Amino acid sequence: MDNQYVVKAVHQGGMHFMTSIGERSVSMDYPLKPGEAGAGPRPLEMLLASLASCAGGTVVALLRRAGQPVDGLTVSARGIRRSEHPTVFTEIALEFVVAGNVQPATVAGVLEEAEMRVCPVWAMLKPTTPIKSSFRITAT
């Protein structure tokens, strides 16, 4: 079914889970000791990765649709979380570094469209978490 996703998380001990997504697996952990690396990224880090990937893919697709010669894109996501439980993000910042001879006004419009209408992860997080976006263009 195209409109349904199923994920299975299997406990591996401690706060470590092996998550199966179809044929793929992702290890996630939440080490409780400060400075401990853990067996994988934390769930909130994966949430930021999902947002960065979703927003980035949307921006690339919209820039190409607009005829912009995008040669590459890097998205950095930074989340600030509160110290008391639940330790949710209180704000998120996205920085888009677009490589190519693209028009700044087009990039700005594409970011607005990605936020307002296209990226589902951004749309889900936006009502509860302020998300600021910025961009810069680099030559290739």
N, C-alpha and C. Protein backbone atom coordinates (compact mmCIF):
# COMPACT_ATOMS: atom_id res chain seq x y z
N MET A 1 0.84 -1.17 0.00
CA MET A 1 0.00 0.00 0.00
C MET A 1 0.89 1.24 0.00
N ASP A 2 0.71 2.14 -0.94
CA ASP A 2 1.57 3.30 -1.10
C ASP A 2 1.41 4.36 -0.01
N ASN A 3 0.26 4.39 0.66
CA ASN A 3 0.05 5.44 1.65
C ASN A 3 0.24 4.94 3.08
N GLN A 4 0.88 3.81 3.25
CA GLN A 4 1.13 3.28 4.58
C GLN A 4 2.58 2.82 4.69
N TYR A 5 3.23 3.23 5.75
CA TYR A 5 4.59 2.77 6.04
C TYR A 5 4.54 1.93 7.31
N VAL A 6 5.36 0.89 7.35
CA VAL A 6 5.45 0.05 8.53
C VAL A 6 6.91 -0.06 8.93
N VAL A 7 7.18 0.18 10.18
CA VAL A 7 8.53 0.10 10.74
C VAL A 7 8.46 -0.80 11.98
N LYS A 8 9.48 -1.62 12.16
CA LYS A 8 9.53 -2.48 13.35
C LYS A 8 10.82 -2.17 14.10
N ALA A 9 10.70 -1.91 15.41
CA ALA A 9 11.85 -1.65 16.27
C ALA A 9 11.98 -2.79 17.27
N VAL A 10 13.13 -3.47 17.25
CA VAL A 10 13.37 -4.62 18.11
C VAL A 10 14.45 -4.25 19.13
N HIS A 11 14.13 -4.41 20.40
CA HIS A 11 15.03 -4.07 21.50
C HIS A 11 16.28 -4.94 21.47
N GLN A 12 17.44 -4.31 21.59
CA GLN A 12 18.73 -5.01 21.56
C GLN A 12 19.43 -4.98 22.91
N GLY A 13 18.81 -4.38 23.90
CA GLY A 13 19.42 -4.21 25.22
C GLY A 13 19.66 -2.73 25.48
N GLY A 14 19.66 -2.37 26.75
CA GLY A 14 19.84 -0.96 27.10
C GLY A 14 18.76 -0.11 26.45
N MET A 15 19.18 0.91 25.72
CA MET A 15 18.26 1.76 24.96
C MET A 15 18.48 1.58 23.47
N HIS A 16 19.11 0.49 23.09
CA HIS A 16 19.47 0.20 21.70
C HIS A 16 18.34 -0.59 21.02
N PHE A 17 17.96 -0.13 19.82
CA PHE A 17 16.95 -0.81 19.01
C PHE A 17 17.47 -0.99 17.60
N MET A 18 17.13 -2.12 16.99
CA MET A 18 17.39 -2.35 15.58
C MET A 18 16.04 -2.13 14.89
N THR A 19 16.00 -1.16 14.01
CA THR A 19 14.76 -0.79 13.35
C THR A 19 14.77 -1.30 11.92
N SER A 20 13.75 -2.06 11.56
CA SER A 20 13.62 -2.59 10.20
C SER A 20 12.61 -1.76 9.44
N ILE A 21 13.03 -1.33 8.25
CA ILE A 21 12.18 -0.57 7.35
C ILE A 21 12.23 -1.32 6.03
N GLY A 22 11.26 -2.18 5.82
CA GLY A 22 11.30 -3.03 4.64
C GLY A 22 12.52 -3.94 4.70
N GLU A 23 13.33 -3.92 3.65
CA GLU A 23 14.54 -4.74 3.58
C GLU A 23 15.74 -4.10 4.26
N ARG A 24 15.60 -2.86 4.72
CA ARG A 24 16.72 -2.12 5.31
C ARG A 24 16.61 -2.08 6.82
N SER A 25 17.76 -1.93 7.48
CA SER A 25 17.79 -1.84 8.93
C SER A 25 18.59 -0.62 9.35
N VAL A 26 18.16 -0.03 10.44
CA VAL A 26 18.86 1.11 11.03
C VAL A 26 18.99 0.84 12.53
N SER A 27 20.20 0.98 13.03
CA SER A 27 20.45 0.81 14.46
C SER A 27 20.32 2.19 15.12
N MET A 28 19.53 2.25 16.19
CA MET A 28 19.39 3.50 16.94
C MET A 28 19.61 3.23 18.42
N ASP A 29 20.16 4.22 19.09
CA ASP A 29 20.49 4.05 20.50
C ASP A 29 20.30 5.38 21.22
N TYR A 30 20.15 5.29 22.51
CA TYR A 30 20.07 6.49 23.34
C TYR A 30 20.89 6.21 24.59
N PRO A 31 22.23 6.35 24.48
CA PRO A 31 23.07 6.05 25.64
C PRO A 31 22.74 6.97 26.80
N LEU A 32 22.66 6.39 27.99
CA LEU A 32 22.26 7.16 29.16
C LEU A 32 23.43 7.80 29.89
N LYS A 33 24.65 7.35 29.60
CA LYS A 33 25.83 7.92 30.25
C LYS A 33 26.39 9.05 29.39
N PRO A 34 26.66 10.22 29.97
CA PRO A 34 27.22 11.34 29.20
C PRO A 34 28.53 10.93 28.52
N GLY A 35 28.68 11.30 27.27
CA GLY A 35 29.89 11.01 26.52
C GLY A 35 29.93 9.64 25.88
N GLU A 36 28.98 8.77 26.20
CA GLU A 36 28.95 7.44 25.62
C GLU A 36 28.45 7.54 24.17
N ALA A 37 29.13 6.83 23.26
CA ALA A 37 28.83 6.93 21.83
C ALA A 37 27.53 6.22 21.46
N GLY A 38 27.28 5.07 22.01
CA GLY A 38 26.09 4.32 21.65
C GLY A 38 26.30 3.51 20.38
N ALA A 39 25.31 2.70 20.05
CA ALA A 39 25.40 1.79 18.92
C ALA A 39 24.79 2.36 17.64
N GLY A 40 24.36 3.58 17.68
CA GLY A 40 23.76 4.21 16.51
C GLY A 40 23.29 5.61 16.86
N PRO A 41 22.73 6.30 15.89
CA PRO A 41 22.24 7.65 16.16
C PRO A 41 21.05 7.61 17.13
N ARG A 42 20.85 8.72 17.81
CA ARG A 42 19.69 8.87 18.69
C ARG A 42 18.44 9.10 17.85
N PRO A 43 17.27 8.72 18.35
CA PRO A 43 16.04 8.94 17.60
C PRO A 43 15.82 10.40 17.19
N LEU A 44 16.14 11.36 18.05
CA LEU A 44 15.97 12.76 17.67
C LEU A 44 16.94 13.16 16.56
N GLU A 45 18.12 12.58 16.55
CA GLU A 45 19.05 12.83 15.44
C GLU A 45 18.48 12.29 14.13
N MET A 46 17.83 11.12 14.20
CA MET A 46 17.21 10.56 13.01
C MET A 46 16.05 11.43 12.53
N LEU A 47 15.34 12.06 13.47
CA LEU A 47 14.28 12.98 13.09
C LEU A 47 14.86 14.16 12.33
N LEU A 48 15.98 14.72 12.81
CA LEU A 48 16.65 15.81 12.08
C LEU A 48 17.13 15.33 10.71
N ALA A 49 17.66 14.11 10.66
CA ALA A 49 18.12 13.56 9.38
C ALA A 49 16.96 13.41 8.41
N SER A 50 15.81 12.99 8.91
CA SER A 50 14.62 12.86 8.06
C SER A 50 14.19 14.21 7.52
N LEU A 51 14.18 15.22 8.38
CA LEU A 51 13.81 16.56 7.94
C LEU A 51 14.80 17.08 6.90
N ALA A 52 16.10 16.94 7.16
CA ALA A 52 17.12 17.44 6.22
C ALA A 52 17.01 16.72 4.87
N SER A 53 16.81 15.42 4.90
CA SER A 53 16.72 14.65 3.65
C SER A 53 15.45 14.97 2.89
N CYS A 54 14.33 15.06 3.58
CA CYS A 54 13.05 15.37 2.93
C CYS A 54 13.09 16.78 2.33
N ALA A 55 13.51 17.75 3.13
CA ALA A 55 13.57 19.13 2.65
C ALA A 55 14.58 19.25 1.51
N GLY A 56 15.73 18.58 1.64
CA GLY A 56 16.75 18.65 0.60
C GLY A 56 16.28 18.05 -0.72
N GLY A 57 15.65 16.88 -0.66
CA GLY A 57 15.13 16.26 -1.87
C GLY A 57 14.07 17.12 -2.53
N THR A 58 13.23 17.73 -1.72
CA THR A 58 12.19 18.62 -2.23
C THR A 58 12.80 19.82 -2.93
N VAL A 59 13.80 20.43 -2.31
CA VAL A 59 14.44 21.62 -2.88
C VAL A 59 15.13 21.28 -4.20
N VAL A 60 15.85 20.18 -4.25
CA VAL A 60 16.51 19.79 -5.51
C VAL A 60 15.47 19.57 -6.61
N ALA A 61 14.40 18.84 -6.29
CA ALA A 61 13.37 18.57 -7.30
C ALA A 61 12.72 19.86 -7.79
N LEU A 62 12.41 20.77 -6.88
CA LEU A 62 11.76 22.03 -7.27
C LEU A 62 12.70 22.94 -8.05
N LEU A 63 13.98 22.96 -7.68
CA LEU A 63 14.95 23.77 -8.44
C LEU A 63 15.10 23.23 -9.86
N ARG A 64 15.18 21.92 -9.99
CA ARG A 64 15.30 21.34 -11.34
C ARG A 64 14.04 21.59 -12.15
N ARG A 65 12.88 21.48 -11.51
CA ARG A 65 11.62 21.76 -12.20
C ARG A 65 11.57 23.22 -12.68
N ALA A 66 12.21 24.11 -11.91
CA ALA A 66 12.25 25.52 -12.27
C ALA A 66 13.33 25.83 -13.30
N GLY A 67 14.06 24.80 -13.76
CA GLY A 67 15.09 24.98 -14.76
C GLY A 67 16.40 25.55 -14.23
N GLN A 68 16.61 25.44 -12.93
CA GLN A 68 17.83 25.96 -12.33
C GLN A 68 18.94 24.91 -12.42
N PRO A 69 20.15 25.32 -12.78
CA PRO A 69 21.27 24.37 -12.92
C PRO A 69 21.91 24.03 -11.57
N VAL A 70 21.18 23.31 -10.74
CA VAL A 70 21.70 22.92 -9.43
C VAL A 70 22.67 21.75 -9.62
N ASP A 71 23.89 21.92 -9.11
CA ASP A 71 24.92 20.90 -9.23
C ASP A 71 25.08 20.08 -7.95
N GLY A 72 24.52 20.55 -6.86
CA GLY A 72 24.62 19.84 -5.59
C GLY A 72 23.90 20.60 -4.49
N LEU A 73 23.64 19.91 -3.41
CA LEU A 73 22.97 20.53 -2.27
C LEU A 73 23.41 19.83 -1.00
N THR A 74 23.72 20.62 0.01
CA THR A 74 24.00 20.11 1.34
C THR A 74 23.04 20.80 2.30
N VAL A 75 22.39 20.01 3.14
CA VAL A 75 21.48 20.56 4.14
C VAL A 75 22.03 20.23 5.52
N SER A 76 22.20 21.26 6.33
CA SER A 76 22.59 21.06 7.73
C SER A 76 21.39 21.38 8.60
N ALA A 77 21.08 20.48 9.52
CA ALA A 77 19.97 20.68 10.45
C ALA A 77 20.51 20.73 11.86
N ARG A 78 20.08 21.74 12.61
CA ARG A 78 20.50 21.89 14.01
C ARG A 78 19.25 22.02 14.86
N GLY A 79 19.12 21.15 15.85
CA GLY A 79 17.97 21.20 16.74
C GLY A 79 18.39 21.53 18.15
N ILE A 80 17.65 22.41 18.79
CA ILE A 80 17.87 22.75 20.19
C ILE A 80 16.74 22.09 20.97
N ARG A 81 17.09 21.31 21.97
CA ARG A 81 16.05 20.64 22.74
C ARG A 81 16.04 21.13 24.17
N ARG A 82 14.89 21.03 24.78
CA ARG A 82 14.78 21.48 26.16
C ARG A 82 15.37 20.43 27.09
N SER A 83 15.75 20.85 28.30
CA SER A 83 16.43 19.95 29.22
C SER A 83 15.46 19.10 30.03
N GLU A 84 14.22 19.54 30.21
CA GLU A 84 13.27 18.73 30.97
C GLU A 84 12.46 17.83 30.04
N HIS A 85 11.95 16.77 30.61
CA HIS A 85 11.21 15.78 29.83
C HIS A 85 9.80 16.27 29.54
N PRO A 86 9.27 16.01 28.38
CA PRO A 86 9.96 15.37 27.26
C PRO A 86 10.94 16.35 26.62
N THR A 87 12.11 15.86 26.26
CA THR A 87 13.20 16.70 25.77
C THR A 87 13.04 16.97 24.27
N VAL A 88 11.91 17.57 23.93
CA VAL A 88 11.58 17.87 22.54
C VAL A 88 12.43 19.02 22.00
N PHE A 89 12.48 19.14 20.69
CA PHE A 89 13.15 20.29 20.08
C PHE A 89 12.30 21.53 20.33
N THR A 90 12.96 22.59 20.75
CA THR A 90 12.28 23.87 20.93
C THR A 90 12.47 24.76 19.71
N GLU A 91 13.46 24.44 18.90
CA GLU A 91 13.68 25.14 17.64
C GLU A 91 14.60 24.31 16.76
N ILE A 92 14.44 24.49 15.46
CA ILE A 92 15.27 23.80 14.48
C ILE A 92 15.72 24.83 13.45
N ALA A 93 16.97 24.73 13.04
CA ALA A 93 17.50 25.58 11.97
C ALA A 93 17.98 24.69 10.83
N LEU A 94 17.58 25.06 9.62
CA LEU A 94 18.02 24.36 8.42
C LEU A 94 18.85 25.32 7.58
N GLU A 95 20.03 24.88 7.18
CA GLU A 95 20.85 25.68 6.26
C GLU A 95 21.05 24.87 4.99
N PHE A 96 20.68 25.48 3.88
CA PHE A 96 20.80 24.86 2.56
C PHE A 96 21.96 25.51 1.83
N VAL A 97 22.94 24.72 1.43
CA VAL A 97 24.06 25.22 0.64
C VAL A 97 23.88 24.64 -0.76
N VAL A 98 23.52 25.53 -1.69
CA VAL A 98 23.19 25.13 -3.06
C VAL A 98 24.41 25.38 -3.94
N ALA A 99 24.88 24.36 -4.63
CA ALA A 99 25.99 24.50 -5.57
C ALA A 99 25.42 24.65 -6.98
N GLY A 100 25.88 25.66 -7.67
CA GLY A 100 25.44 25.86 -9.04
C GLY A 100 25.15 27.33 -9.32
N ASN A 101 24.90 27.61 -10.57
CA ASN A 101 24.61 28.97 -11.01
C ASN A 101 23.09 29.18 -10.94
N VAL A 102 22.57 29.17 -9.73
CA VAL A 102 21.12 29.29 -9.51
C VAL A 102 20.78 30.71 -9.08
N GLN A 103 19.55 31.10 -9.34
CA GLN A 103 19.08 32.44 -8.99
C GLN A 103 18.62 32.47 -7.53
N PRO A 104 19.14 33.42 -6.74
CA PRO A 104 18.75 33.50 -5.33
C PRO A 104 17.24 33.63 -5.12
N ALA A 105 16.57 34.41 -5.95
CA ALA A 105 15.12 34.57 -5.80
C ALA A 105 14.39 33.25 -6.03
N THR A 106 14.88 32.45 -6.95
CA THR A 106 14.26 31.15 -7.21
C THR A 106 14.48 30.22 -6.03
N VAL A 107 15.68 30.22 -5.46
CA VAL A 107 15.96 29.38 -4.29
C VAL A 107 15.05 29.79 -3.13
N ALA A 108 14.90 31.08 -2.91
CA ALA A 108 14.03 31.56 -1.82
C ALA A 108 12.59 31.09 -2.04
N GLY A 109 12.10 31.18 -3.27
CA GLY A 109 10.75 30.73 -3.57
C GLY A 109 10.57 29.24 -3.40
N VAL A 110 11.59 28.49 -3.81
CA VAL A 110 11.55 27.03 -3.68
C VAL A 110 11.54 26.63 -2.21
N LEU A 111 12.32 27.32 -1.38
CA LEU A 111 12.32 27.02 0.06
C LEU A 111 10.94 27.27 0.66
N GLU A 112 10.31 28.34 0.27
CA GLU A 112 8.98 28.65 0.77
C GLU A 112 7.97 27.57 0.35
N GLU A 113 8.06 27.15 -0.90
CA GLU A 113 7.16 26.11 -1.39
C GLU A 113 7.41 24.78 -0.68
N ALA A 114 8.68 24.45 -0.47
CA ALA A 114 9.02 23.21 0.25
C ALA A 114 8.42 23.23 1.64
N GLU A 115 8.53 24.36 2.32
CA GLU A 115 8.01 24.49 3.69
C GLU A 115 6.49 24.47 3.72
N MET A 116 5.86 25.21 2.85
CA MET A 116 4.42 25.42 2.92
C MET A 116 3.58 24.32 2.28
N ARG A 117 4.14 23.63 1.24
CA ARG A 117 3.26 22.76 0.48
C ARG A 117 3.79 21.37 0.16
N VAL A 118 5.10 21.15 0.21
CA VAL A 118 5.59 19.91 -0.40
C VAL A 118 6.22 18.92 0.58
N CYS A 119 7.14 19.34 1.42
CA CYS A 119 7.88 18.40 2.29
C CYS A 119 7.01 17.95 3.47
N PRO A 120 6.63 16.66 3.51
CA PRO A 120 5.74 16.20 4.59
C PRO A 120 6.38 16.23 5.98
N VAL A 121 7.67 16.01 6.08
CA VAL A 121 8.31 16.02 7.40
C VAL A 121 8.29 17.44 7.96
N TRP A 122 8.61 18.42 7.11
CA TRP A 122 8.57 19.82 7.51
C TRP A 122 7.15 20.19 7.94
N ALA A 123 6.16 19.77 7.16
CA ALA A 123 4.76 20.08 7.47
C ALA A 123 4.33 19.49 8.81
N MET A 124 4.82 18.29 9.13
CA MET A 124 4.45 17.65 10.40
C MET A 124 5.08 18.34 11.60
N LEU A 125 6.33 18.78 11.45
CA LEU A 125 7.04 19.38 12.58
C LEU A 125 6.68 20.85 12.80
N LYS A 126 6.37 21.54 11.73
CA LYS A 126 6.16 22.99 11.77
C LYS A 126 5.11 23.47 12.79
N PRO A 127 3.97 22.79 12.96
CA PRO A 127 2.98 23.30 13.91
C PRO A 127 3.44 23.33 15.36
N THR A 128 4.40 22.50 15.72
CA THR A 128 4.82 22.42 17.13
C THR A 128 6.24 22.91 17.38
N THR A 129 7.02 23.08 16.32
CA THR A 129 8.43 23.43 16.49
C THR A 129 8.81 24.52 15.49
N PRO A 130 9.28 25.68 15.97
CA PRO A 130 9.74 26.70 15.03
C PRO A 130 10.92 26.19 14.21
N ILE A 131 10.81 26.33 12.89
CA ILE A 131 11.88 25.90 11.99
C ILE A 131 12.29 27.10 11.14
N LYS A 132 13.54 27.51 11.27
CA LYS A 132 14.07 28.61 10.47
C LYS A 132 14.93 28.03 9.38
N SER A 133 14.81 28.59 8.19
CA SER A 133 15.65 28.12 7.08
C SER A 133 16.45 29.28 6.51
N SER A 134 17.63 28.94 6.03
CA SER A 134 18.49 29.92 5.37
C SER A 134 19.19 29.19 4.23
N PHE A 135 19.74 29.95 3.30
CA PHE A 135 20.47 29.33 2.21
C PHE A 135 21.63 30.22 1.78
N ARG A 136 22.58 29.56 1.15
CA ARG A 136 23.65 30.28 0.46
C ARG A 136 23.99 29.48 -0.78
N ILE A 137 24.53 30.21 -1.75
CA ILE A 137 24.85 29.60 -3.05
C ILE A 137 26.35 29.61 -3.21
N THR A 138 26.89 28.48 -3.66
CA THR A 138 28.32 28.39 -3.93
C THR A 138 28.52 28.04 -5.41
N ALA A 139 29.61 28.50 -5.95
CA ALA A 139 29.95 28.20 -7.34
C ALA A 139 30.44 26.76 -7.43
N THR A 140 30.28 26.19 -8.62
CA THR A 140 30.78 24.82 -8.80
C THR A 140 31.97 24.80 -9.71
